[in-house]
Structure formats: structure tokens, C-alpha cells
Amino acid sequence: SGTDTKKQWQIMRSIYNNKINNTIQWLKINNEIITNNKELPNKINYYLIENIKNIVPNQTVQNPQYTNNLNPEFKFEIISMNELETHIKTLKNNKEKKLIKDSSNFILAYLCRIFNQSIIDLTFPNEFKISKIIPILKKQNNYNIENIRPIHILPIESKLFEKIINMQINHYLTLNNCIDINQNGFRKLNSCETTIAYLTQNFNTLTRTNKYLSISIKPLI
């Protein structure tokens, strides 16, 4: 199940983190070794920003042409304070989430107003887009700056708002049968395991009847 898979990954991460230290104390940039604690973060920031500038202009996005025949038409719903309070209570504890829970009586009304104003304006607050970036080495013992992988940690308010919006969209898509039955990614009670189980079942069924199964794999990037 999805819960078992999550537990497996938690165990793997705990083992991985206990054996490997991801702290970056120095980097090799343009054949120069940078060890200064103040200079190193600035060098990493500059490298990541320049990489984004090089990637984004080369991407072309094609707007799909479609006709919306769904009834009723999708609209974001205003969030009630009770609904927001319920979502806050379901947050799993860490330092940041515990702070939100403990102060919910004081910030609930303000947070609800911000979320609803964003829904009305169809905008996402810029402050919610500001993330803390933790650089991690893709391969250990390789201290070239090209080996850096940035991990973005968004504010808990951003994650909470995104979760609520995601639930509204998923509810609408499920209610109107917009999600293909074979879609297993990013769906509750579905995962790579359910995809493999489905393919295995089809494979066994076809082989028993002397038929063939063709699988096409297309990369997403």
C-alpha cells in the first residue's frame, strides 16, 4: 500500500542519512577551490540562478487546444475557517508545523483571509514562493559545483495552501470522471506498485491466451 511504501522510504532515508554527511564545506568552481563559508553560499546561488536563466529561454510551452464540455464548470471554492483549521490539525509535526498548530488560534483568521483573497484574485502570493535552498551533492566525493542538486523547502503556509487547492481540483476531476483509470501517479491509493501490478496481471492474462503485450515508455523530459 501507499503507507507501506512511505515507511520503506523513511527507513531508507534514515539509513542513508546516518551513513553519509551531505554537508558541503568546499567546492571546486572553475578549477578554483572555494572554502570560505561566506563566499561559498553566494557562489552556489549565482551558479543556480545562471543555470535557470540558461534553461528557461530554451523551453517552449505549447498551449493545448481543448473544449471544456464539463458541467458544472470548475471554480475554486472559498475556504471556511473550520476547513482550514481541520487541515492545520492534520499536519504532521515538525518544528515549523508545530508552530502553525500552536498559534492557529491567533493566525487562523488572517491565514484564511490571505488564502481566500488569493483564490478570488486567482494569484499565488509571491511570499509563498520564497524557498530555502539546501544544496546536496548528487554524487559523494565529487565536489565540482556541477554536482550540486538544490533542494527547495517552501514555507509551511505555501504547502498548506497548495494542499487545499490540490484537493479541490482532485475532487472536481474525480467527481466528473476526468482522470483516466490507468493514471496511477499522484493519486490517492495509487502508485508505481499499482501500475506494476496492473501490467503483471495483463501480461499473465495475455500469455495464457498466446497473445502479446507491447509496452511503450516515453521520457517526460
Protein backbone atom coordinates (compact mmCIF):
# COMPACT_ATOMS: atom_id res chain seq x y z
CA SER A 1 0.00 0.00 0.00
CA GLY A 2 0.99 3.66 -0.17
CA THR A 3 1.54 3.76 3.61
CA ASP A 4 3.92 0.77 3.49
CA THR A 5 5.88 2.37 0.66
CA LYS A 6 6.19 5.60 2.65
CA LYS A 7 7.52 3.68 5.66
CA GLN A 8 10.06 1.91 3.43
CA TRP A 9 11.37 5.23 2.12
CA GLN A 10 11.57 6.64 5.66
CA ILE A 11 13.70 3.67 6.73
CA MET A 12 15.92 4.01 3.65
CA ARG A 13 16.42 7.74 4.27
CA SER A 14 17.30 7.15 7.93
CA ILE A 15 19.92 4.58 6.91
CA TYR A 16 21.23 6.81 4.12
CA ASN A 17 21.45 9.90 6.33
CA ASN A 18 23.24 8.03 9.09
CA LYS A 19 25.99 6.89 6.77
CA ILE A 20 26.52 9.93 4.56
CA ASN A 21 27.25 13.50 5.54
CA ASN A 22 25.82 15.89 2.94
CA THR A 23 27.39 18.99 4.49
CA ILE A 24 29.29 20.89 1.81
CA GLN A 25 32.42 22.50 3.27
CA TRP A 26 34.16 23.28 -0.01
CA LEU A 27 33.54 23.24 -3.76
CA LYS A 28 35.56 23.32 -6.94
CA ILE A 29 34.40 26.17 -9.17
CA ASN A 30 36.21 26.90 -12.45
CA ASN A 31 39.26 24.97 -11.19
CA GLU A 32 39.30 27.10 -8.04
CA ILE A 33 38.74 25.60 -4.58
CA ILE A 34 36.27 27.70 -2.55
CA THR A 35 36.32 27.10 1.22
CA ASN A 36 35.21 30.46 2.60
CA ASN A 37 31.89 29.99 4.48
CA LYS A 38 30.62 33.41 3.39
CA GLU A 39 31.74 33.18 -0.22
CA LEU A 40 30.53 29.61 -0.81
CA PRO A 41 26.74 30.26 -0.49
CA ASN A 42 26.99 33.25 -2.84
CA LYS A 43 28.85 31.18 -5.43
CA ILE A 44 26.23 28.44 -5.23
CA ASN A 45 23.36 30.96 -5.53
CA TYR A 46 24.98 32.58 -8.55
CA TYR A 47 25.52 29.21 -10.22
CA LEU A 48 21.91 28.09 -9.68
CA ILE A 49 20.45 31.40 -10.89
CA GLU A 50 22.59 31.40 -14.04
CA ASN A 51 21.58 27.80 -14.74
CA ILE A 52 17.90 28.74 -14.58
CA LYS A 53 18.49 31.65 -16.97
CA ASN A 54 20.11 29.27 -19.44
CA ILE A 55 17.35 26.66 -19.19
CA VAL A 56 14.14 28.71 -19.21
CA PRO A 57 14.63 30.66 -22.50
CA ASN A 58 15.20 27.39 -24.38
CA GLN A 59 11.90 25.90 -23.27
CA THR A 60 8.85 26.29 -25.47
CA VAL A 61 5.43 25.68 -23.99
CA GLN A 62 2.56 24.83 -26.29
CA ASN A 63 -0.88 25.74 -25.05
CA PRO A 64 -3.19 22.77 -25.69
CA GLN A 65 -6.38 23.42 -27.59
CA TYR A 66 -9.39 21.88 -25.88
CA THR A 67 -13.09 22.38 -25.44
CA ASN A 68 -14.50 22.41 -21.94
CA ASN A 69 -17.72 20.42 -22.13
CA LEU A 70 -17.83 19.71 -18.42
CA ASN A 71 -20.84 20.69 -16.44
CA PRO A 72 -20.58 22.27 -13.95
CA GLU A 73 -17.55 24.31 -14.92
CA PHE A 74 -14.70 24.19 -12.43
CA LYS A 75 -14.36 27.04 -9.94
CA PHE A 76 -12.21 27.33 -6.86
CA GLU A 77 -14.21 27.34 -3.65
CA ILE A 78 -13.80 29.82 -0.81
CA ILE A 79 -12.18 28.20 2.25
CA SER A 80 -14.00 28.32 5.59
CA MET A 81 -12.15 28.79 8.87
CA ASN A 82 -13.37 25.39 10.08
CA GLU A 83 -12.00 23.73 6.95
CA LEU A 84 -8.64 25.47 7.32
CA GLU A 85 -8.46 24.53 11.00
CA THR A 86 -9.08 20.88 10.09
CA HIS A 87 -6.25 20.95 7.54
CA ILE A 88 -3.89 22.52 10.07
CA LYS A 89 -4.70 19.81 12.62
CA THR A 90 -3.82 17.08 10.09
CA LEU A 91 -0.31 18.47 9.54
CA LYS A 92 2.42 16.11 10.67
CA ASN A 93 4.61 17.52 13.40
CA ASN A 94 7.95 19.18 12.88
CA LYS A 95 9.22 22.46 14.33
CA GLU A 96 7.62 24.67 11.67
CA LYS A 97 4.31 22.78 11.52
CA LYS A 98 4.07 22.64 15.32
CA LEU A 99 4.43 26.43 15.40
CA ILE A 100 1.48 26.78 13.00
CA LYS A 101 -0.62 24.39 15.09
CA ASP A 102 0.21 26.06 18.39
CA SER A 103 -0.52 29.55 17.05
CA SER A 104 -3.56 28.60 14.95
CA ASN A 105 -5.97 30.40 17.30
CA PHE A 106 -4.16 33.67 16.62
CA ILE A 107 -3.37 33.35 12.90
CA LEU A 108 -6.32 31.32 11.61
CA ALA A 109 -8.48 34.29 10.57
CA TYR A 110 -5.57 36.10 8.88
CA LEU A 111 -4.38 32.98 7.07
CA CYS A 112 -7.90 32.21 5.89
CA ARG A 113 -8.25 35.78 4.56
CA ILE A 114 -4.96 35.52 2.64
CA PHE A 115 -5.92 32.16 1.12
CA ASN A 116 -9.38 33.33 0.07
CA GLN A 117 -8.10 36.59 -1.39
CA SER A 118 -5.63 34.56 -3.45
CA ILE A 119 -8.50 32.39 -4.70
CA ILE A 120 -10.61 35.43 -5.58
CA ASP A 121 -7.71 37.11 -7.40
CA LEU A 122 -6.51 33.81 -8.94
CA THR A 123 -2.98 34.58 -7.79
CA PHE A 124 -0.38 32.82 -5.67
CA PRO A 125 1.30 35.08 -3.08
CA ASN A 126 4.89 35.90 -4.01
CA GLU A 127 5.92 35.44 -0.38
CA PHE A 128 4.79 31.82 -0.59
CA LYS A 129 7.20 31.25 -3.50
CA ILE A 130 10.30 32.13 -1.50
CA SER A 131 12.08 28.92 -0.59
CA LYS A 132 15.07 27.93 1.47
CA ILE A 133 17.52 26.12 -0.81
CA ILE A 134 19.73 23.38 0.58
CA PRO A 135 22.46 22.22 -1.84
CA ILE A 136 23.17 18.49 -1.83
CA LEU A 137 25.82 16.57 -3.71
CA LYS A 138 24.41 14.28 -6.40
CA LYS A 139 27.42 12.02 -6.10
CA GLN A 140 29.51 11.76 -2.96
CA ASN A 141 33.18 12.79 -3.06
CA ASN A 142 32.55 14.86 -6.18
CA TYR A 143 32.92 18.50 -5.14
CA ASN A 144 32.54 20.13 -8.54
CA ILE A 145 29.76 22.72 -8.50
CA GLU A 146 28.08 20.91 -11.42
CA ASN A 147 27.41 18.09 -8.95
CA ILE A 148 25.10 20.29 -6.87
CA ARG A 149 21.41 19.38 -6.58
CA PRO A 150 19.24 22.09 -4.97
CA ILE A 151 16.53 21.02 -2.52
CA HIS A 152 13.82 23.68 -2.18
CA ILE A 153 12.00 23.98 1.16
CA LEU A 154 8.89 26.12 0.83
CA PRO A 155 7.10 27.86 3.74
CA ILE A 156 4.53 25.70 5.53
CA GLU A 157 1.82 28.24 4.60
CA SER A 158 2.62 27.65 0.93
CA LYS A 159 2.39 23.87 1.32
CA LEU A 160 -0.88 24.16 3.24
CA PHE A 161 -2.48 26.40 0.60
CA GLU A 162 -1.23 24.15 -2.19
CA LYS A 163 -2.68 21.09 -0.44
CA ILE A 164 -6.12 22.69 -0.13
CA ILE A 165 -6.14 23.81 -3.77
CA ASN A 166 -4.95 20.38 -4.90
CA MET A 167 -7.79 18.71 -3.00
CA GLN A 168 -10.37 20.97 -4.68
CA ILE A 169 -9.00 20.18 -8.14
CA ASN A 170 -8.77 16.44 -7.48
CA HIS A 171 -12.29 16.37 -6.07
CA TYR A 172 -13.65 18.03 -9.20
CA LEU A 173 -11.69 15.78 -11.58
CA THR A 174 -12.73 12.61 -9.73
CA LEU A 175 -16.37 13.68 -9.47
CA ASN A 176 -16.52 14.34 -13.23
CA ASN A 177 -14.52 11.22 -14.20
CA CYS A 178 -11.79 13.33 -15.80
CA ILE A 179 -8.93 11.13 -14.60
CA ASP A 180 -8.09 8.09 -16.69
CA ILE A 181 -8.47 4.80 -14.86
CA ASN A 182 -4.86 3.94 -15.75
CA GLN A 183 -3.49 7.12 -14.17
CA ASN A 184 -1.63 5.96 -11.05
CA GLY A 185 0.81 8.79 -10.39
CA PHE A 186 -0.11 11.46 -7.84
CA ARG A 187 -3.39 9.77 -6.94
CA LYS A 188 -4.51 8.55 -3.54
CA LEU A 189 -4.23 4.77 -3.11
CA ASN A 190 -2.29 4.59 -6.40
CA SER A 191 1.43 4.34 -7.02
CA CYS A 192 4.11 2.70 -9.17
CA GLU A 193 3.21 -0.54 -7.39
CA THR A 194 -0.36 -0.47 -8.71
CA THR A 195 0.95 0.18 -12.23
CA ILE A 196 3.32 -2.80 -12.00
CA ALA A 197 0.53 -4.98 -10.59
CA TYR A 198 -1.77 -3.95 -13.47
CA LEU A 199 0.89 -4.68 -16.09
CA THR A 200 1.75 -8.02 -14.49
CA GLN A 201 -1.90 -9.05 -14.45
CA ASN A 202 -2.31 -8.10 -18.12
CA PHE A 203 0.91 -9.88 -19.04
CA ASN A 204 -0.20 -13.11 -17.35
CA THR A 205 -3.64 -12.92 -18.94
CA LEU A 206 -2.24 -12.39 -22.44
CA THR A 207 0.47 -15.05 -22.20
CA ARG A 208 -2.13 -17.65 -21.16
CA THR A 209 -4.04 -16.89 -24.38
CA ASN A 210 -0.88 -16.82 -26.56
CA LYS A 211 -1.16 -13.08 -27.16
CA TYR A 212 1.48 -10.35 -27.00
CA LEU A 213 1.83 -7.33 -24.76
CA SER A 214 3.52 -4.21 -26.14
CA ILE A 215 4.86 -1.57 -23.76
CA SER A 216 5.95 1.90 -24.87
CA ILE A 217 7.99 4.02 -22.45
CA LYS A 218 8.30 7.73 -23.13
CA PRO A 219 10.51 10.03 -21.02
CA LEU A 220 8.78 13.08 -19.56
CA ILE A 221 11.80 15.37 -20.05
